[in-house]
Amino acid sequence: MIYVNDNFGKWRSDMRALVTFCRRPGMRGARIVDRLKPRSTDYVVLKSTLSGFYQTPLEAMLRLGGVRRLIVTGFATDNCVLFTAADAYMRDFRLVVPRDCVHAETPEAQRRALRILSRLLSADVRPSRQIRLSASR
């Protein structure tokens, strides 16, 4: 699994330090950090902008791994998820964005982003329980 995460302006941090930062009391989302944090076998890409592709090694990592389809999840559907998916689409990756694995601040923002993902980026936005993935990349 590859985690692409905002670095929150902490360029000298690693993922362990970032997880500690995000778990602080009062931090939005602190309650779910432990459930979502990367394992030691996962890859981590820290990003500085909305897209996980812009000025990061993500595309090279995926190409070297022979990946052709991406499952994009996370926060916020109408922001980082959308921009990362758009950049993936423009790089000819097929997209799966399970609607129950992404979230936006408002229901309207969620609906609008899912509509763009589906119509413009040809993403499969069905709920995760309805998506069957083969072993192929």
N, C-alpha and C. Protein backbone atom coordinates (compact mmCIF):
# COMPACT_ATOMS: atom_id res chain seq x y z
N MET A 1 0.85 -1.16 0.00
CA MET A 1 0.00 0.00 0.00
C MET A 1 0.90 1.23 0.00
N ILE A 2 0.45 2.27 -0.70
CA ILE A 2 1.17 3.54 -0.72
C ILE A 2 0.30 4.60 -0.06
N TYR A 3 0.82 5.24 0.96
CA TYR A 3 0.16 6.35 1.62
C TYR A 3 0.73 7.64 1.04
N VAL A 4 -0.16 8.54 0.64
CA VAL A 4 0.25 9.87 0.19
C VAL A 4 -0.39 10.84 1.16
N ASN A 5 0.43 11.60 1.83
CA ASN A 5 -0.09 12.43 2.90
C ASN A 5 0.49 13.83 2.85
N ASP A 6 -0.33 14.78 3.27
CA ASP A 6 0.13 16.15 3.44
C ASP A 6 1.24 16.14 4.49
N ASN A 7 2.23 16.98 4.30
CA ASN A 7 3.30 17.04 5.30
C ASN A 7 3.08 18.13 6.34
N PHE A 8 1.99 18.88 6.20
CA PHE A 8 1.64 19.94 7.14
C PHE A 8 2.80 20.92 7.36
N GLY A 9 3.62 21.11 6.33
CA GLY A 9 4.74 22.04 6.42
C GLY A 9 5.89 21.55 7.27
N LYS A 10 5.89 20.26 7.58
CA LYS A 10 6.94 19.68 8.42
C LYS A 10 7.89 18.86 7.55
N TRP A 11 8.69 19.56 6.74
CA TRP A 11 9.55 18.90 5.76
C TRP A 11 10.62 18.01 6.37
N ARG A 12 10.96 18.21 7.60
CA ARG A 12 12.00 17.38 8.21
C ARG A 12 11.43 16.18 8.97
N SER A 13 10.16 15.98 8.87
CA SER A 13 9.54 14.89 9.60
C SER A 13 9.48 13.62 8.76
N ASP A 14 9.32 12.51 9.43
CA ASP A 14 9.05 11.25 8.76
C ASP A 14 7.63 10.85 9.11
N MET A 15 7.17 9.72 8.60
CA MET A 15 5.77 9.35 8.84
C MET A 15 5.49 9.12 10.31
N ARG A 16 6.42 8.58 11.04
CA ARG A 16 6.20 8.36 12.48
C ARG A 16 5.95 9.70 13.19
N ALA A 17 6.76 10.71 12.85
CA ALA A 17 6.58 12.03 13.45
C ALA A 17 5.26 12.65 13.00
N LEU A 18 4.87 12.41 11.75
CA LEU A 18 3.62 12.96 11.24
C LEU A 18 2.42 12.32 11.94
N VAL A 19 2.49 11.00 12.18
CA VAL A 19 1.41 10.32 12.90
C VAL A 19 1.30 10.89 14.32
N THR A 20 2.43 11.09 14.98
CA THR A 20 2.42 11.68 16.32
C THR A 20 1.79 13.06 16.30
N PHE A 21 2.14 13.86 15.31
CA PHE A 21 1.57 15.21 15.15
C PHE A 21 0.05 15.13 14.98
N CYS A 22 -0.42 14.21 14.15
CA CYS A 22 -1.86 14.09 13.85
C CYS A 22 -2.67 13.48 14.99
N ARG A 23 -2.01 12.81 15.93
CA ARG A 23 -2.71 12.19 17.06
C ARG A 23 -2.88 13.14 18.24
N ARG A 24 -2.35 14.34 18.14
CA ARG A 24 -2.44 15.28 19.26
C ARG A 24 -3.89 15.52 19.65
N PRO A 25 -4.15 15.68 20.95
CA PRO A 25 -5.51 15.99 21.40
C PRO A 25 -6.02 17.27 20.74
N GLY A 26 -7.25 17.24 20.31
CA GLY A 26 -7.86 18.39 19.66
C GLY A 26 -7.61 18.48 18.18
N MET A 27 -6.75 17.64 17.65
CA MET A 27 -6.47 17.64 16.21
C MET A 27 -7.63 16.95 15.50
N ARG A 28 -8.13 17.58 14.43
CA ARG A 28 -9.24 16.97 13.68
C ARG A 28 -8.81 15.61 13.14
N GLY A 29 -9.61 14.59 13.38
CA GLY A 29 -9.30 13.25 12.90
C GLY A 29 -8.38 12.45 13.79
N ALA A 30 -7.97 13.01 14.92
CA ALA A 30 -7.02 12.31 15.80
C ALA A 30 -7.52 10.93 16.23
N ARG A 31 -8.83 10.80 16.37
CA ARG A 31 -9.39 9.53 16.85
C ARG A 31 -9.19 8.38 15.88
N ILE A 32 -9.01 8.65 14.59
CA ILE A 32 -8.90 7.55 13.64
C ILE A 32 -7.47 7.33 13.11
N VAL A 33 -6.53 8.13 13.59
CA VAL A 33 -5.16 8.02 13.09
C VAL A 33 -4.60 6.62 13.30
N ASP A 34 -4.79 6.03 14.46
CA ASP A 34 -4.23 4.69 14.71
C ASP A 34 -4.80 3.64 13.77
N ARG A 35 -6.05 3.80 13.37
CA ARG A 35 -6.65 2.82 12.45
C ARG A 35 -6.11 2.97 11.04
N LEU A 36 -5.69 4.17 10.68
CA LEU A 36 -5.28 4.44 9.31
C LEU A 36 -3.77 4.53 9.11
N LYS A 37 -3.00 4.51 10.18
CA LYS A 37 -1.56 4.74 10.02
C LYS A 37 -0.90 3.61 9.23
N PRO A 38 0.15 3.96 8.48
CA PRO A 38 0.86 2.96 7.67
C PRO A 38 1.55 1.90 8.54
N ARG A 39 1.66 0.72 7.97
CA ARG A 39 2.45 -0.34 8.60
C ARG A 39 3.89 -0.23 8.11
N SER A 40 4.78 -0.94 8.72
CA SER A 40 6.20 -0.85 8.34
C SER A 40 6.44 -1.34 6.91
N THR A 41 5.55 -2.13 6.36
CA THR A 41 5.71 -2.65 4.99
C THR A 41 5.10 -1.74 3.93
N ASP A 42 4.42 -0.68 4.35
CA ASP A 42 3.79 0.25 3.41
C ASP A 42 4.79 1.30 2.94
N TYR A 43 4.47 1.93 1.83
CA TYR A 43 5.27 3.03 1.31
C TYR A 43 4.59 4.33 1.67
N VAL A 44 5.39 5.38 1.84
CA VAL A 44 4.86 6.68 2.22
C VAL A 44 5.44 7.75 1.30
N VAL A 45 4.57 8.61 0.78
CA VAL A 45 4.96 9.76 -0.02
C VAL A 45 4.37 10.99 0.67
N LEU A 46 5.22 11.92 1.04
CA LEU A 46 4.74 13.17 1.61
C LEU A 46 4.60 14.18 0.49
N LYS A 47 3.48 14.88 0.48
CA LYS A 47 3.19 15.85 -0.58
C LYS A 47 3.04 17.24 0.01
N SER A 48 3.23 18.24 -0.86
CA SER A 48 3.12 19.62 -0.39
C SER A 48 1.92 20.34 -0.99
N THR A 49 1.25 19.70 -1.96
CA THR A 49 0.12 20.33 -2.62
C THR A 49 -1.08 19.40 -2.59
N LEU A 50 -2.12 19.77 -3.31
CA LEU A 50 -3.35 18.99 -3.31
C LEU A 50 -3.18 17.62 -3.97
N SER A 51 -2.33 17.51 -4.97
CA SER A 51 -2.16 16.26 -5.69
C SER A 51 -1.02 15.42 -5.14
N GLY A 52 -1.27 14.13 -5.06
CA GLY A 52 -0.22 13.21 -4.65
C GLY A 52 0.84 13.01 -5.72
N PHE A 53 0.58 13.47 -6.93
CA PHE A 53 1.53 13.32 -8.03
C PHE A 53 2.46 14.51 -8.20
N TYR A 54 1.98 15.70 -7.88
CA TYR A 54 2.74 16.91 -8.18
C TYR A 54 4.03 16.99 -7.36
N GLN A 55 5.16 16.96 -8.03
CA GLN A 55 6.49 17.06 -7.44
C GLN A 55 6.74 15.99 -6.36
N THR A 56 6.23 14.78 -6.60
CA THR A 56 6.51 13.64 -5.71
C THR A 56 7.00 12.48 -6.58
N PRO A 57 7.55 11.44 -5.97
CA PRO A 57 7.99 10.27 -6.73
C PRO A 57 6.87 9.26 -7.01
N LEU A 58 5.62 9.63 -6.74
CA LEU A 58 4.52 8.66 -6.83
C LEU A 58 4.41 8.02 -8.21
N GLU A 59 4.43 8.80 -9.28
CA GLU A 59 4.28 8.22 -10.61
C GLU A 59 5.40 7.22 -10.90
N ALA A 60 6.63 7.57 -10.57
CA ALA A 60 7.76 6.66 -10.81
C ALA A 60 7.58 5.36 -10.02
N MET A 61 7.15 5.47 -8.78
CA MET A 61 6.92 4.28 -7.96
C MET A 61 5.88 3.37 -8.60
N LEU A 62 4.77 3.96 -9.06
CA LEU A 62 3.69 3.17 -9.65
C LEU A 62 4.13 2.54 -10.97
N ARG A 63 4.79 3.30 -11.81
CA ARG A 63 5.25 2.77 -13.11
C ARG A 63 6.25 1.64 -12.91
N LEU A 64 7.20 1.82 -12.02
CA LEU A 64 8.20 0.77 -11.75
C LEU A 64 7.54 -0.49 -11.20
N GLY A 65 6.43 -0.31 -10.50
CA GLY A 65 5.69 -1.46 -9.96
C GLY A 65 4.70 -2.06 -10.95
N GLY A 66 4.62 -1.50 -12.14
CA GLY A 66 3.70 -2.03 -13.16
C GLY A 66 2.23 -1.78 -12.86
N VAL A 67 1.95 -0.78 -12.05
CA VAL A 67 0.57 -0.48 -11.65
C VAL A 67 -0.15 0.24 -12.79
N ARG A 68 -1.38 -0.18 -13.06
CA ARG A 68 -2.20 0.48 -14.08
C ARG A 68 -3.53 0.98 -13.52
N ARG A 69 -3.92 0.45 -12.38
CA ARG A 69 -5.19 0.86 -11.76
C ARG A 69 -4.92 1.30 -10.32
N LEU A 70 -5.53 2.42 -9.94
CA LEU A 70 -5.35 2.95 -8.60
C LEU A 70 -6.66 2.94 -7.84
N ILE A 71 -6.59 2.60 -6.58
CA ILE A 71 -7.71 2.76 -5.67
C ILE A 71 -7.36 3.96 -4.81
N VAL A 72 -8.11 5.03 -4.98
CA VAL A 72 -7.83 6.28 -4.28
C VAL A 72 -8.87 6.45 -3.17
N THR A 73 -8.39 6.65 -1.95
CA THR A 73 -9.27 6.85 -0.80
C THR A 73 -8.75 8.05 -0.01
N GLY A 74 -9.56 8.55 0.91
CA GLY A 74 -9.05 9.58 1.81
C GLY A 74 -9.94 10.77 1.97
N PHE A 75 -9.32 11.84 2.48
CA PHE A 75 -9.97 13.10 2.78
C PHE A 75 -9.27 14.18 1.96
N ALA A 76 -9.78 15.11 1.44
CA ALA A 76 -11.17 15.38 1.24
C ALA A 76 -11.51 15.09 -0.22
N THR A 77 -12.67 14.51 -0.45
CA THR A 77 -13.07 14.08 -1.78
C THR A 77 -12.98 15.20 -2.78
N ASP A 78 -13.40 16.39 -2.39
CA ASP A 78 -13.45 17.54 -3.30
C ASP A 78 -12.14 18.32 -3.34
N ASN A 79 -11.10 17.78 -2.77
CA ASN A 79 -9.84 18.49 -2.68
C ASN A 79 -8.71 17.54 -3.06
N CYS A 80 -8.01 17.00 -2.10
CA CYS A 80 -6.85 16.15 -2.36
C CYS A 80 -7.20 14.90 -3.16
N VAL A 81 -8.30 14.25 -2.83
CA VAL A 81 -8.70 13.06 -3.57
C VAL A 81 -8.96 13.41 -5.03
N LEU A 82 -9.71 14.46 -5.27
CA LEU A 82 -10.05 14.87 -6.62
C LEU A 82 -8.82 15.27 -7.43
N PHE A 83 -7.94 16.05 -6.86
CA PHE A 83 -6.74 16.49 -7.60
C PHE A 83 -5.78 15.33 -7.86
N THR A 84 -5.64 14.43 -6.90
CA THR A 84 -4.79 13.26 -7.12
C THR A 84 -5.39 12.37 -8.20
N ALA A 85 -6.70 12.16 -8.15
CA ALA A 85 -7.37 11.34 -9.17
C ALA A 85 -7.26 11.98 -10.55
N ALA A 86 -7.41 13.30 -10.63
CA ALA A 86 -7.30 13.98 -11.93
C ALA A 86 -5.90 13.80 -12.50
N ASP A 87 -4.89 13.96 -11.67
CA ASP A 87 -3.52 13.76 -12.15
C ASP A 87 -3.29 12.31 -12.55
N ALA A 88 -3.87 11.37 -11.84
CA ALA A 88 -3.74 9.95 -12.21
C ALA A 88 -4.42 9.69 -13.55
N TYR A 89 -5.59 10.24 -13.74
CA TYR A 89 -6.33 10.10 -14.99
C TYR A 89 -5.52 10.64 -16.16
N MET A 90 -4.91 11.80 -15.99
CA MET A 90 -4.11 12.40 -17.05
C MET A 90 -2.83 11.61 -17.33
N ARG A 91 -2.47 10.71 -16.44
CA ARG A 91 -1.31 9.84 -16.62
C ARG A 91 -1.74 8.44 -17.06
N ASP A 92 -3.01 8.30 -17.45
CA ASP A 92 -3.57 7.06 -17.99
C ASP A 92 -3.70 5.92 -16.99
N PHE A 93 -3.87 6.22 -15.72
CA PHE A 93 -4.19 5.19 -14.74
C PHE A 93 -5.70 5.04 -14.72
N ARG A 94 -6.18 3.81 -14.54
CA ARG A 94 -7.61 3.58 -14.33
C ARG A 94 -7.90 3.83 -12.86
N LEU A 95 -9.08 4.36 -12.57
CA LEU A 95 -9.38 4.82 -11.22
C LEU A 95 -10.55 4.09 -10.57
N VAL A 96 -10.36 3.78 -9.30
CA VAL A 96 -11.42 3.30 -8.43
C VAL A 96 -11.39 4.23 -7.22
N VAL A 97 -12.52 4.86 -6.95
CA VAL A 97 -12.65 5.76 -5.79
C VAL A 97 -13.92 5.35 -5.05
N PRO A 98 -13.82 4.34 -4.18
CA PRO A 98 -15.04 3.87 -3.49
C PRO A 98 -15.68 5.00 -2.68
N ARG A 99 -16.95 5.26 -2.96
CA ARG A 99 -17.64 6.39 -2.34
C ARG A 99 -17.70 6.32 -0.82
N ASP A 100 -17.61 5.12 -0.26
CA ASP A 100 -17.63 4.99 1.19
C ASP A 100 -16.23 5.02 1.81
N CYS A 101 -15.23 5.30 1.00
CA CYS A 101 -13.85 5.38 1.49
C CYS A 101 -13.24 6.76 1.27
N VAL A 102 -14.10 7.73 0.97
CA VAL A 102 -13.69 9.13 0.81
C VAL A 102 -14.70 10.00 1.54
N HIS A 103 -14.29 11.21 1.89
CA HIS A 103 -15.20 12.09 2.62
C HIS A 103 -14.87 13.54 2.33
N ALA A 104 -15.90 14.36 2.22
CA ALA A 104 -15.75 15.81 2.07
C ALA A 104 -16.42 16.49 3.26
N GLU A 105 -16.19 17.77 3.42
CA GLU A 105 -16.75 18.49 4.57
C GLU A 105 -18.26 18.58 4.55
N THR A 106 -18.86 18.65 3.35
CA THR A 106 -20.32 18.76 3.28
C THR A 106 -20.87 17.70 2.33
N PRO A 107 -22.12 17.30 2.52
CA PRO A 107 -22.74 16.34 1.60
C PRO A 107 -22.75 16.84 0.15
N GLU A 108 -22.99 18.13 -0.04
CA GLU A 108 -23.01 18.68 -1.40
C GLU A 108 -21.63 18.61 -2.04
N ALA A 109 -20.60 18.92 -1.29
CA ALA A 109 -19.23 18.82 -1.83
C ALA A 109 -18.90 17.38 -2.18
N GLN A 110 -19.36 16.45 -1.36
CA GLN A 110 -19.15 15.02 -1.63
C GLN A 110 -19.84 14.61 -2.93
N ARG A 111 -21.11 14.97 -3.08
CA ARG A 111 -21.86 14.62 -4.29
C ARG A 111 -21.22 15.23 -5.54
N ARG A 112 -20.84 16.47 -5.46
CA ARG A 112 -20.24 17.17 -6.60
C ARG A 112 -18.92 16.50 -7.01
N ALA A 113 -18.08 16.20 -6.03
CA ALA A 113 -16.79 15.58 -6.33
C ALA A 113 -16.98 14.17 -6.91
N LEU A 114 -17.88 13.39 -6.36
CA LEU A 114 -18.12 12.04 -6.90
C LEU A 114 -18.66 12.11 -8.32
N ARG A 115 -19.47 13.10 -8.60
CA ARG A 115 -19.99 13.28 -9.96
C ARG A 115 -18.84 13.60 -10.93
N ILE A 116 -17.93 14.47 -10.54
CA ILE A 116 -16.78 14.80 -11.38
C ILE A 116 -15.89 13.57 -11.56
N LEU A 117 -15.62 12.87 -10.48
CA LEU A 117 -14.78 11.67 -10.56
C LEU A 117 -15.36 10.66 -11.53
N SER A 118 -16.65 10.45 -11.46
CA SER A 118 -17.31 9.47 -12.31
C SER A 118 -17.41 9.94 -13.76
N ARG A 119 -17.95 11.12 -13.97
CA ARG A 119 -18.23 11.59 -15.33
C ARG A 119 -16.99 12.04 -16.09
N LEU A 120 -16.14 12.80 -15.46
CA LEU A 120 -14.99 13.36 -16.18
C LEU A 120 -13.74 12.48 -16.13
N LEU A 121 -13.59 11.74 -15.03
CA LEU A 121 -12.37 10.96 -14.85
C LEU A 121 -12.60 9.46 -15.00
N SER A 122 -13.82 9.08 -15.35
CA SER A 122 -14.18 7.67 -15.57
C SER A 122 -13.87 6.77 -14.37
N ALA A 123 -13.94 7.32 -13.17
CA ALA A 123 -13.65 6.55 -11.97
C ALA A 123 -14.85 5.68 -11.59
N ASP A 124 -14.55 4.51 -11.09
CA ASP A 124 -15.57 3.63 -10.52
C ASP A 124 -15.81 4.14 -9.10
N VAL A 125 -16.97 4.69 -8.83
CA VAL A 125 -17.25 5.28 -7.52
C VAL A 125 -18.31 4.49 -6.74
N ARG A 126 -18.49 3.24 -7.11
CA ARG A 126 -19.44 2.41 -6.34
C ARG A 126 -18.91 2.20 -4.92
N PRO A 127 -19.79 1.85 -4.00
CA PRO A 127 -19.32 1.52 -2.63
C PRO A 127 -18.34 0.36 -2.66
N SER A 128 -17.43 0.32 -1.72
CA SER A 128 -16.36 -0.68 -1.70
C SER A 128 -16.90 -2.11 -1.72
N ARG A 129 -18.01 -2.36 -1.09
CA ARG A 129 -18.55 -3.73 -1.05
C ARG A 129 -18.99 -4.21 -2.44
N GLN A 130 -19.21 -3.30 -3.37
CA GLN A 130 -19.65 -3.65 -4.71
C GLN A 130 -18.51 -3.77 -5.71
N ILE A 131 -17.32 -3.46 -5.28
CA ILE A 131 -16.17 -3.47 -6.19
C ILE A 131 -15.39 -4.75 -6.03
N ARG A 132 -15.23 -5.45 -7.13
CA ARG A 132 -14.41 -6.67 -7.14
C ARG A 132 -13.13 -6.36 -7.88
N LEU A 133 -12.04 -6.63 -7.23
CA LEU A 133 -10.74 -6.37 -7.85
C LEU A 133 -10.04 -7.69 -8.12
N SER A 134 -9.51 -7.80 -9.31
CA SER A 134 -8.74 -9.01 -9.63
C SER A 134 -7.32 -8.82 -9.11
N ALA A 135 -6.54 -9.86 -9.21
CA ALA A 135 -5.16 -9.81 -8.74
C ALA A 135 -4.28 -8.99 -9.66
N SER A 136 -4.77 -8.67 -10.87
CA SER A 136 -3.95 -7.89 -11.79
C SER A 136 -3.78 -6.47 -11.29
N ARG A 137 -2.71 -5.85 -11.72
CA ARG A 137 -2.38 -4.50 -11.27
C ARG A 137 -3.15 -3.52 -12.10
